[in-house]
Amino acid sequence: MNEQANKILVELLQKAADGIDSAVAFSQAQIPDVIHQLLIWNAVSSLLFQLIAILTVMGFLLTVKKAWNVAEGYSGADFLAFLYITSGALTSIIMFVGFWFNFDWLKIWLAPKLYLLEYATSLIK
């Protein structure tokens, strides 16, 4: 009975080792594709954020001009125009700061290995 239990245990351990080996081989085969997809995703999301930031700031500037022209014709609309311009200015400043500090797409394009090292460092922290 003890020999049969040992035989079953050896078979189970062998199957587990084979499963681990095949999982490692699969992971090694998939790593380049995963890294490529990670770089593409981060580059596109960074670029889209910058485009949205630029469009937000440009839209704010255009609507401020329009709101200012409309507010000049009304005597009671100065306060509303001031609130609108102030809130829009704060939003535009935040978007511009986000734009300025979000050049990941450029780093991925020019130095992808550097980006991957910095990304891995940020995951470890």
N, C-alpha and C. Protein backbone atom coordinates (compact mmCIF):
# COMPACT_ATOMS: atom_id res chain seq x y z
N MET A 1 0.83 -1.19 0.00
CA MET A 1 0.00 0.00 0.00
C MET A 1 0.87 1.25 0.00
N ASN A 2 1.96 1.22 0.74
CA ASN A 2 2.86 2.35 0.82
C ASN A 2 3.54 2.58 -0.53
N GLU A 3 3.87 1.50 -1.24
CA GLU A 3 4.49 1.63 -2.55
C GLU A 3 3.52 2.25 -3.55
N GLN A 4 2.26 1.86 -3.45
CA GLN A 4 1.25 2.39 -4.36
C GLN A 4 1.03 3.90 -4.11
N ALA A 5 1.04 4.30 -2.86
CA ALA A 5 0.89 5.71 -2.51
C ALA A 5 2.09 6.51 -3.01
N ASN A 6 3.28 5.95 -2.87
CA ASN A 6 4.48 6.63 -3.36
C ASN A 6 4.44 6.77 -4.88
N LYS A 7 3.97 5.72 -5.57
CA LYS A 7 3.87 5.74 -7.02
C LYS A 7 2.88 6.82 -7.47
N ILE A 8 1.74 6.91 -6.81
CA ILE A 8 0.73 7.93 -7.13
C ILE A 8 1.28 9.33 -6.86
N LEU A 9 1.99 9.49 -5.75
CA LEU A 9 2.58 10.77 -5.40
C LEU A 9 3.63 11.19 -6.43
N VAL A 10 4.46 10.26 -6.88
CA VAL A 10 5.47 10.56 -7.90
C VAL A 10 4.79 10.97 -9.19
N GLU A 11 3.72 10.28 -9.59
CA GLU A 11 2.99 10.64 -10.81
C GLU A 11 2.38 12.03 -10.71
N LEU A 12 1.81 12.34 -9.56
CA LEU A 12 1.22 13.67 -9.37
C LEU A 12 2.28 14.76 -9.43
N LEU A 13 3.41 14.52 -8.79
CA LEU A 13 4.50 15.50 -8.82
C LEU A 13 5.03 15.67 -10.24
N GLN A 14 5.13 14.58 -10.99
CA GLN A 14 5.60 14.66 -12.37
C GLN A 14 4.62 15.47 -13.24
N LYS A 15 3.31 15.25 -13.06
CA LYS A 15 2.31 15.99 -13.81
C LYS A 15 2.35 17.48 -13.45
N ALA A 16 2.55 17.76 -12.16
CA ALA A 16 2.65 19.16 -11.74
C ALA A 16 3.87 19.83 -12.35
N ALA A 17 5.00 19.13 -12.35
CA ALA A 17 6.23 19.68 -12.94
C ALA A 17 6.06 19.90 -14.44
N ASP A 18 5.42 18.96 -15.13
CA ASP A 18 5.17 19.12 -16.56
C ASP A 18 4.25 20.31 -16.83
N GLY A 19 3.25 20.49 -15.98
CA GLY A 19 2.34 21.63 -16.12
C GLY A 19 3.05 22.95 -15.92
N ILE A 20 3.93 22.99 -14.95
CA ILE A 20 4.70 24.21 -14.69
C ILE A 20 5.62 24.51 -15.87
N ASP A 21 6.27 23.48 -16.40
CA ASP A 21 7.16 23.67 -17.54
C ASP A 21 6.39 24.20 -18.76
N SER A 22 5.22 23.65 -19.01
CA SER A 22 4.44 24.13 -20.16
C SER A 22 3.93 25.54 -19.92
N ALA A 23 3.59 25.89 -18.69
CA ALA A 23 3.14 27.25 -18.39
C ALA A 23 4.28 28.25 -18.57
N VAL A 24 5.48 27.89 -18.16
CA VAL A 24 6.65 28.76 -18.33
C VAL A 24 6.95 28.94 -19.82
N ALA A 25 6.88 27.85 -20.59
CA ALA A 25 7.14 27.95 -22.03
C ALA A 25 6.10 28.83 -22.71
N PHE A 26 4.84 28.69 -22.31
CA PHE A 26 3.78 29.53 -22.87
C PHE A 26 4.01 31.00 -22.52
N SER A 27 4.37 31.26 -21.28
CA SER A 27 4.62 32.65 -20.84
C SER A 27 5.79 33.26 -21.61
N GLN A 28 6.85 32.50 -21.78
CA GLN A 28 8.00 33.00 -22.52
C GLN A 28 7.65 33.31 -23.97
N ALA A 29 6.80 32.51 -24.55
CA ALA A 29 6.40 32.75 -25.93
C ALA A 29 5.49 33.98 -26.06
N GLN A 30 4.74 34.30 -25.02
CA GLN A 30 3.78 35.40 -25.08
C GLN A 30 4.35 36.74 -24.63
N ILE A 31 5.48 36.75 -23.95
CA ILE A 31 6.03 38.00 -23.39
C ILE A 31 6.26 39.07 -24.46
N PRO A 32 6.88 38.78 -25.62
CA PRO A 32 7.06 39.85 -26.61
C PRO A 32 5.75 40.47 -27.08
N ASP A 33 4.72 39.66 -27.28
CA ASP A 33 3.44 40.18 -27.72
C ASP A 33 2.79 41.03 -26.63
N VAL A 34 2.91 40.61 -25.39
CA VAL A 34 2.35 41.37 -24.28
C VAL A 34 3.05 42.72 -24.15
N ILE A 35 4.36 42.74 -24.28
CA ILE A 35 5.11 43.99 -24.18
C ILE A 35 4.73 44.92 -25.33
N HIS A 36 4.59 44.38 -26.52
CA HIS A 36 4.19 45.20 -27.67
C HIS A 36 2.81 45.81 -27.45
N GLN A 37 1.87 45.01 -26.96
CA GLN A 37 0.53 45.53 -26.70
C GLN A 37 0.54 46.58 -25.59
N LEU A 38 1.37 46.38 -24.57
CA LEU A 38 1.49 47.37 -23.49
C LEU A 38 2.01 48.69 -24.03
N LEU A 39 3.03 48.64 -24.88
CA LEU A 39 3.58 49.87 -25.45
C LEU A 39 2.56 50.58 -26.33
N ILE A 40 1.86 49.83 -27.16
CA ILE A 40 0.86 50.44 -28.03
C ILE A 40 -0.25 51.09 -27.20
N TRP A 41 -0.74 50.39 -26.20
CA TRP A 41 -1.83 50.93 -25.37
C TRP A 41 -1.40 52.20 -24.65
N ASN A 42 -0.24 52.18 -24.02
CA ASN A 42 0.20 53.36 -23.28
C ASN A 42 0.50 54.53 -24.21
N ALA A 43 1.04 54.26 -25.39
CA ALA A 43 1.31 55.33 -26.34
C ALA A 43 0.01 55.97 -26.83
N VAL A 44 -0.95 55.15 -27.19
CA VAL A 44 -2.22 55.68 -27.71
C VAL A 44 -2.98 56.43 -26.62
N SER A 45 -3.02 55.89 -25.40
CA SER A 45 -3.75 56.58 -24.33
C SER A 45 -3.09 57.91 -23.99
N SER A 46 -1.76 57.96 -24.00
CA SER A 46 -1.05 59.21 -23.73
C SER A 46 -1.32 60.23 -24.83
N LEU A 47 -1.26 59.79 -26.08
CA LEU A 47 -1.50 60.69 -27.20
C LEU A 47 -2.94 61.20 -27.20
N LEU A 48 -3.90 60.33 -26.91
CA LEU A 48 -5.29 60.77 -26.86
C LEU A 48 -5.52 61.78 -25.74
N PHE A 49 -4.88 61.57 -24.59
CA PHE A 49 -5.03 62.54 -23.51
C PHE A 49 -4.49 63.90 -23.94
N GLN A 50 -3.35 63.90 -24.62
CA GLN A 50 -2.79 65.18 -25.06
C GLN A 50 -3.68 65.85 -26.09
N LEU A 51 -4.26 65.08 -26.99
CA LEU A 51 -5.18 65.67 -27.97
C LEU A 51 -6.41 66.26 -27.29
N ILE A 52 -6.95 65.55 -26.31
CA ILE A 52 -8.11 66.06 -25.57
C ILE A 52 -7.74 67.33 -24.80
N ALA A 53 -6.54 67.35 -24.23
CA ALA A 53 -6.10 68.55 -23.51
C ALA A 53 -5.98 69.74 -24.45
N ILE A 54 -5.40 69.53 -25.61
CA ILE A 54 -5.26 70.62 -26.58
C ILE A 54 -6.63 71.11 -27.03
N LEU A 55 -7.52 70.18 -27.35
CA LEU A 55 -8.86 70.58 -27.78
C LEU A 55 -9.64 71.30 -26.68
N THR A 56 -9.44 70.89 -25.43
CA THR A 56 -10.11 71.56 -24.32
C THR A 56 -9.64 73.00 -24.17
N VAL A 57 -8.34 73.20 -24.23
CA VAL A 57 -7.79 74.56 -24.10
C VAL A 57 -8.23 75.43 -25.28
N MET A 58 -8.17 74.87 -26.49
CA MET A 58 -8.60 75.64 -27.66
C MET A 58 -10.09 75.96 -27.59
N GLY A 59 -10.90 74.99 -27.18
CA GLY A 59 -12.33 75.24 -27.05
C GLY A 59 -12.63 76.29 -26.00
N PHE A 60 -11.87 76.25 -24.90
CA PHE A 60 -12.07 77.27 -23.87
C PHE A 60 -11.75 78.66 -24.41
N LEU A 61 -10.65 78.78 -25.12
CA LEU A 61 -10.27 80.09 -25.65
C LEU A 61 -11.31 80.62 -26.63
N LEU A 62 -11.83 79.74 -27.46
CA LEU A 62 -12.86 80.18 -28.41
C LEU A 62 -14.16 80.57 -27.71
N THR A 63 -14.57 79.80 -26.71
CA THR A 63 -15.82 80.13 -26.02
C THR A 63 -15.66 81.35 -25.12
N VAL A 64 -14.47 81.59 -24.60
CA VAL A 64 -14.25 82.81 -23.80
C VAL A 64 -14.43 84.03 -24.69
N LYS A 65 -13.89 83.97 -25.87
CA LYS A 65 -14.05 85.10 -26.79
C LYS A 65 -15.52 85.34 -27.09
N LYS A 66 -16.24 84.24 -27.36
CA LYS A 66 -17.67 84.37 -27.66
C LYS A 66 -18.45 84.85 -26.44
N ALA A 67 -18.15 84.31 -25.26
CA ALA A 67 -18.85 84.72 -24.04
C ALA A 67 -18.55 86.17 -23.70
N TRP A 68 -17.35 86.61 -23.93
CA TRP A 68 -16.99 87.99 -23.63
C TRP A 68 -17.75 88.95 -24.56
N ASN A 69 -17.86 88.56 -25.81
CA ASN A 69 -18.61 89.40 -26.76
C ASN A 69 -20.08 89.46 -26.38
N VAL A 70 -20.67 88.34 -25.95
CA VAL A 70 -22.06 88.32 -25.54
C VAL A 70 -22.26 89.12 -24.25
N ALA A 71 -21.31 88.98 -23.31
CA ALA A 71 -21.43 89.64 -22.01
C ALA A 71 -21.30 91.15 -22.13
N GLU A 72 -20.64 91.64 -23.14
CA GLU A 72 -20.49 93.09 -23.30
C GLU A 72 -21.83 93.76 -23.58
N GLY A 73 -22.74 93.02 -24.19
CA GLY A 73 -24.04 93.60 -24.51
C GLY A 73 -25.01 93.62 -23.35
N TYR A 74 -24.76 92.87 -22.29
CA TYR A 74 -25.68 92.79 -21.15
C TYR A 74 -25.02 93.38 -19.92
N SER A 75 -25.79 94.14 -19.16
CA SER A 75 -25.22 94.77 -17.97
C SER A 75 -25.10 93.81 -16.80
N GLY A 76 -26.02 92.84 -16.66
CA GLY A 76 -26.01 91.94 -15.51
C GLY A 76 -25.23 90.66 -15.75
N ALA A 77 -24.68 90.48 -16.90
CA ALA A 77 -24.02 89.22 -17.24
C ALA A 77 -22.54 89.22 -16.93
N ASP A 78 -22.02 90.31 -16.39
CA ASP A 78 -20.58 90.38 -16.11
C ASP A 78 -20.15 89.35 -15.08
N PHE A 79 -20.94 89.16 -14.04
CA PHE A 79 -20.57 88.20 -13.01
C PHE A 79 -20.61 86.78 -13.55
N LEU A 80 -21.64 86.44 -14.33
CA LEU A 80 -21.72 85.12 -14.94
C LEU A 80 -20.55 84.88 -15.90
N ALA A 81 -20.21 85.87 -16.67
CA ALA A 81 -19.07 85.74 -17.58
C ALA A 81 -17.79 85.54 -16.79
N PHE A 82 -17.65 86.26 -15.67
CA PHE A 82 -16.47 86.10 -14.83
C PHE A 82 -16.38 84.68 -14.26
N LEU A 83 -17.51 84.15 -13.77
CA LEU A 83 -17.51 82.78 -13.24
C LEU A 83 -17.18 81.77 -14.33
N TYR A 84 -17.77 81.95 -15.48
CA TYR A 84 -17.53 81.04 -16.59
C TYR A 84 -16.06 81.07 -17.01
N ILE A 85 -15.53 82.26 -17.14
CA ILE A 85 -14.13 82.39 -17.57
C ILE A 85 -13.19 81.85 -16.51
N THR A 86 -13.48 82.08 -15.24
CA THR A 86 -12.62 81.58 -14.16
C THR A 86 -12.62 80.06 -14.11
N SER A 87 -13.79 79.46 -14.17
CA SER A 87 -13.83 77.99 -14.12
C SER A 87 -13.19 77.38 -15.36
N GLY A 88 -13.43 77.98 -16.50
CA GLY A 88 -12.79 77.50 -17.73
C GLY A 88 -11.29 77.67 -17.70
N ALA A 89 -10.83 78.77 -17.11
CA ALA A 89 -9.38 79.00 -17.03
C ALA A 89 -8.73 77.96 -16.12
N LEU A 90 -9.36 77.65 -15.00
CA LEU A 90 -8.80 76.63 -14.10
C LEU A 90 -8.76 75.26 -14.79
N THR A 91 -9.82 74.92 -15.49
CA THR A 91 -9.84 73.66 -16.23
C THR A 91 -8.76 73.64 -17.29
N SER A 92 -8.59 74.74 -18.00
CA SER A 92 -7.57 74.80 -19.04
C SER A 92 -6.16 74.71 -18.47
N ILE A 93 -5.94 75.33 -17.32
CA ILE A 93 -4.62 75.25 -16.69
C ILE A 93 -4.32 73.81 -16.27
N ILE A 94 -5.30 73.16 -15.68
CA ILE A 94 -5.11 71.76 -15.28
C ILE A 94 -4.84 70.88 -16.50
N MET A 95 -5.60 71.08 -17.57
CA MET A 95 -5.39 70.30 -18.78
C MET A 95 -4.02 70.59 -19.40
N PHE A 96 -3.58 71.86 -19.36
CA PHE A 96 -2.28 72.20 -19.92
C PHE A 96 -1.16 71.55 -19.12
N VAL A 97 -1.29 71.56 -17.80
CA VAL A 97 -0.27 70.89 -16.96
C VAL A 97 -0.26 69.39 -17.25
N GLY A 98 -1.45 68.79 -17.36
CA GLY A 98 -1.52 67.38 -17.72
C GLY A 98 -0.91 67.12 -19.09
N PHE A 99 -1.14 68.04 -20.02
CA PHE A 99 -0.54 67.91 -21.36
C PHE A 99 0.97 67.96 -21.28
N TRP A 100 1.48 68.90 -20.52
CA TRP A 100 2.92 69.11 -20.46
C TRP A 100 3.65 67.93 -19.83
N PHE A 101 3.05 67.26 -18.88
CA PHE A 101 3.72 66.16 -18.18
C PHE A 101 3.27 64.78 -18.68
N ASN A 102 2.71 64.70 -19.88
CA ASN A 102 2.24 63.43 -20.39
C ASN A 102 2.77 63.17 -21.80
N PHE A 103 4.09 63.09 -21.92
CA PHE A 103 4.71 62.80 -23.20
C PHE A 103 5.18 61.35 -23.26
N ASP A 104 4.42 60.45 -22.66
CA ASP A 104 4.78 59.03 -22.69
C ASP A 104 4.81 58.49 -24.12
N TRP A 105 3.91 58.94 -24.97
CA TRP A 105 3.87 58.46 -26.35
C TRP A 105 5.17 58.77 -27.07
N LEU A 106 5.74 59.93 -26.78
CA LEU A 106 7.00 60.32 -27.42
C LEU A 106 8.16 59.47 -26.90
N LYS A 107 8.14 59.20 -25.60
CA LYS A 107 9.18 58.36 -25.00
C LYS A 107 9.09 56.93 -25.55
N ILE A 108 7.87 56.43 -25.73
CA ILE A 108 7.69 55.08 -26.28
C ILE A 108 8.20 55.04 -27.72
N TRP A 109 7.96 56.09 -28.45
CA TRP A 109 8.38 56.13 -29.85
C TRP A 109 9.89 56.24 -29.98
N LEU A 110 10.52 57.10 -29.15
CA LEU A 110 11.96 57.35 -29.28
C LEU A 110 12.82 56.38 -28.48
N ALA A 111 12.36 55.99 -27.29
CA ALA A 111 13.18 55.14 -26.42
C ALA A 111 12.29 54.13 -25.70
N PRO A 112 11.81 53.10 -26.40
CA PRO A 112 10.88 52.16 -25.77
C PRO A 112 11.50 51.36 -24.62
N LYS A 113 12.79 51.05 -24.72
CA LYS A 113 13.43 50.28 -23.64
C LYS A 113 13.51 51.13 -22.37
N LEU A 114 13.82 52.40 -22.51
CA LEU A 114 13.84 53.30 -21.36
C LEU A 114 12.46 53.39 -20.73
N TYR A 115 11.42 53.50 -21.58
CA TYR A 115 10.06 53.56 -21.05
C TYR A 115 9.71 52.29 -20.28
N LEU A 116 10.08 51.13 -20.84
CA LEU A 116 9.79 49.87 -20.16
C LEU A 116 10.51 49.78 -18.82
N LEU A 117 11.75 50.25 -18.76
CA LEU A 117 12.48 50.24 -17.48
C LEU A 117 11.78 51.14 -16.46
N GLU A 118 11.39 52.34 -16.89
CA GLU A 118 10.70 53.25 -15.97
C GLU A 118 9.34 52.70 -15.55
N TYR A 119 8.66 52.04 -16.49
CA TYR A 119 7.35 51.45 -16.17
C TYR A 119 7.51 50.32 -15.16
N ALA A 120 8.52 49.48 -15.37
CA ALA A 120 8.76 48.37 -14.42
C ALA A 120 9.15 48.93 -13.06
N THR A 121 9.93 50.00 -13.04
CA THR A 121 10.30 50.63 -11.76
C THR A 121 9.08 51.17 -11.04
N SER A 122 8.15 51.76 -11.79
CA SER A 122 6.95 52.29 -11.15
C SER A 122 6.06 51.18 -10.61
N LEU A 123 6.10 50.00 -11.24
CA LEU A 123 5.31 48.86 -10.72
C LEU A 123 5.91 48.30 -9.44
N ILE A 124 7.22 48.36 -9.32
CA ILE A 124 7.90 47.80 -8.15
C ILE A 124 7.68 48.69 -6.93
N LYS A 125 7.61 50.00 -7.13
CA LYS A 125 7.45 50.93 -6.01
C LYS A 125 6.21 50.70 -5.29
